C-alpha atoms as a PDB file:
ATOM      1  CA  MET A   1      29.250  37.399   1.275  1.00  0.00           C
ATOM      2  CA  ASN A   2      28.863  36.152  -2.274  1.00  0.00           C
ATOM      3  CA  VAL A   3      26.160  34.136  -4.017  1.00  0.00           C
ATOM      4  CA  THR A   4      27.789  30.815  -3.115  1.00  0.00           C
ATOM      5  CA  ASP A   5      27.809  31.651   0.584  1.00  0.00           C
ATOM      6  CA  ILE A   6      24.146  32.720   0.467  1.00  0.00           C
ATOM      7  CA  MET A   7      23.143  29.543  -1.393  1.00  0.00           C
ATOM      8  CA  ASN A   8      25.141  27.456   1.072  1.00  0.00           C
ATOM      9  CA  LEU A   9      23.407  29.125   4.017  1.00  0.00           C
ATOM     10  CA  VAL A  10      19.915  28.777   2.467  1.00  0.00           C
ATOM     11  CA  ALA A  11      20.504  25.121   1.556  1.00  0.00           C
ATOM     12  CA  GLY A  12      21.732  24.312   5.064  1.00  0.00           C
ATOM     13  CA  LEU A  13      18.807  26.092   6.689  1.00  0.00           C
ATOM     14  CA  MET A  14      16.324  24.345   4.420  1.00  0.00           C
ATOM     15  CA  GLN A  15      17.712  20.966   5.389  1.00  0.00           C
ATOM     16  CA  PHE A  16      17.375  21.765   9.081  1.00  0.00           C
ATOM     17  CA  VAL A  17      13.817  22.955   8.396  1.00  0.00           C
ATOM     18  CA  VAL A  18      13.114  19.621   6.677  1.00  0.00           C
ATOM     19  CA  ALA A  19      14.494  17.685   9.672  1.00  0.00           C
ATOM     20  CA  GLY A  20      12.428  19.831  12.066  1.00  0.00           C
ATOM     21  CA  TYR A  21       9.336  19.346   9.953  1.00  0.00           C
ATOM     22  CA  ALA A  22       9.870  15.578   9.952  1.00  0.00           C
ATOM     23  CA  LEU A  23      10.130  15.698  13.762  1.00  0.00           C
ATOM     24  CA  ARG A  24       6.889  17.742  13.900  1.00  0.00           C
ATOM     25  CA  LEU A  25       5.082  15.167  11.729  1.00  0.00           C
ATOM     26  CA  ASN A  26       6.403  12.415  13.957  1.00  0.00           C
ATOM     27  CA  ARG A  27       5.115  14.127  17.095  1.00  0.00           C
ATOM     28  CA  THR A  28       1.771  15.100  15.555  1.00  0.00           C
ATOM     29  CA  PHE A  29       0.844  11.788  13.932  1.00  0.00           C
ATOM     30  CA  GLY A  30       2.961   9.398  15.984  1.00  0.00           C
ATOM     31  CA  PRO A  31       5.938   7.220  15.121  1.00  0.00           C
ATOM     32  CA  ASP A  32       3.635   4.372  14.032  1.00  0.00           C
ATOM     33  CA  ARG A  33       2.412   6.435  11.095  1.00  0.00           C
ATOM     34  CA  VAL A  34       5.457   8.524  10.197  1.00  0.00           C
ATOM     35  CA  GLY A  35       8.394   6.681  11.736  1.00  0.00           C
ATOM     36  CA  TRP A  36      11.583   7.963  13.287  1.00  0.00           C
ATOM     37  CA  SER A  37      13.548   6.988  10.203  1.00  0.00           C
ATOM     38  CA  LEU A  38      12.170  10.018   8.340  1.00  0.00           C
ATOM     39  CA  PHE A  39      13.464  12.404  11.002  1.00  0.00           C
ATOM     40  CA  ALA A  40      16.775  10.550  11.263  1.00  0.00           C
ATOM     41  CA  ALA A  41      17.332  10.546   7.487  1.00  0.00           C
ATOM     42  CA  PHE A  42      16.689  14.265   7.137  1.00  0.00           C
ATOM     43  CA  SER A  43      18.790  15.076  10.201  1.00  0.00           C
ATOM     44  CA  LEU A  44      21.680  13.098   8.724  1.00  0.00           C
ATOM     45  CA  LEU A  45      21.227  14.926   5.414  1.00  0.00           C
ATOM     46  CA  ALA A  46      21.431  18.254   7.249  1.00  0.00           C
ATOM     47  CA  LEU A  47      24.511  17.149   9.211  1.00  0.00           C
ATOM     48  CA  LEU A  48      26.149  15.918   6.006  1.00  0.00           C
ATOM     49  CA  HIS A  49      25.547  19.267   4.394  1.00  0.00           C
ATOM     50  CA  LEU A  50      26.897  21.070   7.447  1.00  0.00           C
ATOM     51  CA  ALA A  51      30.030  18.903   7.453  1.00  0.00           C
ATOM     52  CA  GLN A  52      30.590  19.500   3.739  1.00  0.00           C
ATOM     53  CA  SER A  53      30.107  23.232   4.044  1.00  0.00           C
ATOM     54  CA  THR A  54      32.626  23.514   6.893  1.00  0.00           C
ATOM     55  CA  ALA A  55      35.205  21.265   5.240  1.00  0.00           C
ATOM     56  CA  VAL A  56      37.911  22.840   3.229  1.00  0.00           C
ATOM     57  CA  PHE A  57      37.071  22.180  -0.399  1.00  0.00           C
ATOM     58  CA  ASN A  58      39.129  23.706  -3.070  1.00  0.00           C
ATOM     59  CA  ALA A  59      36.650  22.734  -5.711  1.00  0.00           C
ATOM     60  CA  GLY A  60      35.813  25.218  -8.353  1.00  0.00           C
ATOM     61  CA  GLU A  61      33.183  27.909  -7.843  1.00  0.00           C
ATOM     62  CA  GLN A  62      30.939  26.282 -10.452  1.00  0.00           C
ATOM     63  CA  SER A  63      30.958  22.915  -8.656  1.00  0.00           C
ATOM     64  CA  ALA A  64      30.050  24.486  -5.303  1.00  0.00           C
ATOM     65  CA  VAL A  65      27.101  26.379  -6.808  1.00  0.00           C
ATOM     66  CA  THR A  66      25.851  23.222  -8.512  1.00  0.00           C
ATOM     67  CA  MET A  67      26.089  21.221  -5.269  1.00  0.00           C
ATOM     68  CA  GLU A  68      24.313  23.920  -3.249  1.00  0.00           C
ATOM     69  CA  THR A  69      21.587  24.225  -5.881  1.00  0.00           C
ATOM     70  CA  THR A  70      21.122  20.458  -5.802  1.00  0.00           C
ATOM     71  CA  TYR A  71      20.856  20.458  -2.012  1.00  0.00           C
ATOM     72  CA  ALA A  72      18.388  23.339  -2.116  1.00  0.00           C
ATOM     73  CA  LEU A  73      16.199  21.589  -4.713  1.00  0.00           C
ATOM     74  CA  ILE A  74      16.279  18.297  -2.802  1.00  0.00           C
ATOM     75  CA  SER A  75      15.260  20.084   0.387  1.00  0.00           C
ATOM     76  CA  LEU A  76      12.473  21.916  -1.421  1.00  0.00           C
ATOM     77  CA  LEU A  77      11.193  18.671  -2.913  1.00  0.00           C
ATOM     78  CA  LEU A  78      11.346  16.940   0.458  1.00  0.00           C
ATOM     79  CA  LEU A  79       9.438  19.790   2.100  1.00  0.00           C
ATOM     80  CA  THR A  80       6.775  19.614  -0.604  1.00  0.00           C
ATOM     81  CA  GLY A  81       6.488  15.859  -0.192  1.00  0.00           C
ATOM     82  CA  MET A  82       6.192  16.107   3.580  1.00  0.00           C
ATOM     83  CA  ALA A  83       3.549  18.841   3.287  1.00  0.00           C
ATOM     84  CA  HIS A  84       1.578  16.480   1.063  1.00  0.00           C
ATOM     85  CA  ILE A  85       2.046  13.642   3.551  1.00  0.00           C
ATOM     86  CA  GLU A  86       0.864  15.947   6.338  1.00  0.00           C
ATOM     87  CA  SER A  87      -2.284  16.856   4.414  1.00  0.00           C
ATOM     88  CA  LEU A  88      -2.986  13.164   3.790  1.00  0.00           C
ATOM     89  CA  PHE A  89      -2.446  12.347   7.456  1.00  0.00           C
ATOM     90  CA  LYS A  90      -4.668  15.223   8.561  1.00  0.00           C
ATOM     91  CA  GLU A  91      -7.450  14.023   6.269  1.00  0.00           C
ATOM     92  CA  ARG A  92      -7.033  10.466   7.478  1.00  0.00           C
ATOM     93  CA  LEU A  93      -7.060  11.612  11.099  1.00  0.00           C
ATOM     94  CA  ARG A  94     -10.205  13.661  10.441  1.00  0.00           C
ATOM     95  CA  LEU A  95     -11.856  10.637   8.831  1.00  0.00           C
ATOM     96  CA  GLU A  96     -10.834   8.397  11.733  1.00  0.00           C
ATOM     97  CA  GLN A  97     -12.319  10.888  14.196  1.00  0.00           C
ATOM     98  CA  GLU A  98     -15.510  11.094  12.127  1.00  0.00           C
ATOM     99  CA  GLU A  99     -15.677   7.295  12.009  1.00  0.00           C
ATOM    100  CA  ALA A 100     -15.209   7.111  15.781  1.00  0.00           C
ATOM    101  CA  ARG A 101     -17.973   9.708  16.253  1.00  0.00           C
ATOM    102  CA  LEU A 102     -20.316   7.789  13.940  1.00  0.00           C
ATOM    103  CA  ARG A 103     -19.506   4.488  15.657  1.00  0.00           C
ATOM    104  CA  ALA A 104     -20.280   6.055  19.029  1.00  0.00           C
ATOM    105  CA  GLY A 105     -23.583   7.340  17.628  1.00  0.00           C
ATOM    106  CA  LEU A 106     -24.415   3.913  16.261  1.00  0.00           C
ATOM    107  CA  GLU A 107     -23.506   2.294  19.567  1.00  0.00           C
ATOM    108  CA  THR A 108     -25.831   4.709  21.380  1.00  0.00           C
ATOM    109  CA  GLU A 109     -28.600   3.947  18.900  1.00  0.00           C
ATOM    110  CA  VAL A 110     -28.072   0.197  19.316  1.00  0.00           C
ATOM    111  CA  GLN A 111     -28.246   0.563  23.097  1.00  0.00           C
ATOM    112  CA  LYS A 112     -31.486   2.566  22.837  1.00  0.00           C
ATOM    113  CA  LYS A 113     -33.086   0.025  20.513  1.00  0.00           C
ATOM    114  CA  THR A 114     -31.864  -2.856  22.641  1.00  0.00           C
ATOM    115  CA  ALA A 115     -33.395  -1.260  25.736  1.00  0.00           C
ATOM    116  CA  HIS A 116     -36.655  -0.684  23.836  1.00  0.00           C
ATOM    117  CA  LEU A 117     -36.740  -4.294  22.637  1.00  0.00           C
ATOM    118  CA  THR A 118     -35.918  -5.552  26.118  1.00  0.00           C
ATOM    119  CA  ARG A 119     -38.849  -3.591  27.549  1.00  0.00           C
ATOM    120  CA  ALA A 120     -41.112  -4.917  24.782  1.00  0.00           C
ATOM    121  CA  ILE A 121     -39.993  -8.492  25.471  1.00  0.00           C
ATOM    122  CA  GLU A 122     -40.618  -8.025  29.190  1.00  0.00           C
ATOM    123  CA  ALA A 123     -44.099  -6.629  28.468  1.00  0.00           C
ATOM    124  CA  LEU A 124     -44.880  -9.533  26.133  1.00  0.00           C
ATOM    125  CA  GLN A 125     -43.590 -12.021  28.699  1.00  0.00           C
ATOM    126  CA  ALA A 126     -45.813 -10.415  31.351  1.00  0.00           C
ATOM    127  CA  GLU A 127     -48.778 -10.670  28.966  1.00  0.00           C
ATOM    128  CA  ILE A 128     -47.974 -14.333  28.245  1.00  0.00           C
ATOM    129  CA  ASP A 129     -47.762 -15.047  31.973  1.00  0.00           C
ATOM    130  CA  GLU A 130     -51.094 -13.272  32.568  1.00  0.00           C
ATOM    131  CA  ARG A 131     -52.738 -15.247  29.765  1.00  0.00           C
ATOM    132  CA  LYS A 132     -51.369 -18.513  31.146  1.00  0.00           C
ATOM    133  CA  ARG A 133     -52.698 -17.591  34.596  1.00  0.00           C
ATOM    134  CA  MET A 134     -56.084 -16.738  33.096  1.00  0.00           C
ATOM    135  CA  GLU A 135     -56.092 -19.965  31.075  1.00  0.00           C
ATOM    136  CA  ALA A 136     -55.327 -21.987  34.206  1.00  0.00           C
ATOM    137  CA  GLU A 137     -58.128 -20.142  35.994  1.00  0.00           C
ATOM    138  CA  VAL A 138     -60.545 -20.892  33.129  1.00  0.00           C
ATOM    139  CA  GLN A 139     -59.429 -24.539  33.172  1.00  0.00           C
ATOM    140  CA  ALA A 140     -60.099 -24.658  36.915  1.00  0.00           C
ATOM    141  CA  HIS A 141     -63.583 -23.195  36.377  1.00  0.00           C
ATOM    142  CA  VAL A 142     -64.274 -25.632  33.532  1.00  0.00           C
ATOM    143  CA  GLN A 143     -63.189 -28.516  35.744  1.00  0.00           C
ATOM    144  CA  LEU A 144     -65.376 -27.220  38.558  1.00  0.00           C
ATOM    145  CA  LEU A 145     -68.309 -26.926  36.144  1.00  0.00           C
ATOM    146  CA  ASP A 146     -67.721 -30.478  34.852  1.00  0.00           C
ATOM    147  CA  ASP A 147     -67.546 -31.802  38.407  1.00  0.00           C
ATOM    148  CA  THR A 148     -70.721 -29.937  39.306  1.00  0.00           C
ATOM    149  CA  GLN A 149     -72.535 -31.290  36.263  1.00  0.00           C
ATOM    150  CA  LEU A 150     -71.387 -34.799  37.098  1.00  0.00           C
ATOM    151  CA  LEU A 151     -72.644 -34.435  40.622  1.00  0.00           C
ATOM    152  CA  LEU A 152     -75.946 -33.098  39.342  1.00  0.00           C
ATOM    153  CA  ARG A 153     -76.321 -36.042  36.994  1.00  0.00           C
ATOM    154  CA  LYS A 154     -75.477 -38.476  39.772  1.00  0.00           C
ATOM    155  CA  GLY A 155     -77.907 -36.693  42.003  1.00  0.00           C
ATOM    156  CA  ARG A 156     -80.702 -36.922  39.397  1.00  0.00           C
ATOM    157  CA  ASN A 157     -79.949 -40.554  38.766  1.00  0.00           C
ATOM    158  CA  HIS A 158     -79.987 -41.191  42.460  1.00  0.00           C
ATOM    159  CA  ASP A 159     -83.257 -39.293  42.805  1.00  0.00           C
ATOM    160  CA  ALA A 160     -84.741 -41.265  39.905  1.00  0.00           C
ATOM    161  CA  GLU A 161     -83.670 -44.522  41.512  1.00  0.00           C
ATOM    162  CA  MET A 162     -85.174 -43.467  44.769  1.00  0.00           C
ATOM    163  CA  VAL A 163     -88.445 -42.611  43.079  1.00  0.00           C
ATOM    164  CA  ALA A 164     -88.383 -45.902  41.217  1.00  0.00           C
ATOM    165  CA  ASN A 165     -87.739 -47.802  44.396  1.00  0.00           C
ATOM    166  CA  ILE A 166     -90.641 -46.235  46.214  1.00  0.00           C
ATOM    167  CA  ARG A 167     -93.544 -48.637  46.460  1.00  0.00           C
ATOM    168  CA  PHE A 168     -97.068 -47.611  47.087  1.00  0.00           C
END
């Protein structure tokens, strides 16, 4: 096994690792965020490399090493890029979870305050009703007092008329 064969093997393995990593990202973060095209593109790149490495090429030793080095560098760059994408997605997922947690906390707080305000409104409404009842009761007493005073005045006037009409 010479250097070319080792480079060919490493480059092929790296491309399959890239395709597997793309599949992992797709499963972890969902196809809506990553997309199946990433996995498909890297799988096709790996299959292309596999087909080229099994084909009979009589190209020079120098050309084969250059091609394998290029494939290895591309795979390394793709792996680095996907690791960066994964870190971004993880941070975004963490932030989305934190946002969901905070929203749930806010919703709980809103429900508590709403319940408190509802109880306060009910208490105020009960107080308003009690005051209206008391006001109606006072109005009834005032009316009764006015009627009583009117009767007393009529009674005095009647008594005064009776006294005036008495003849000795």
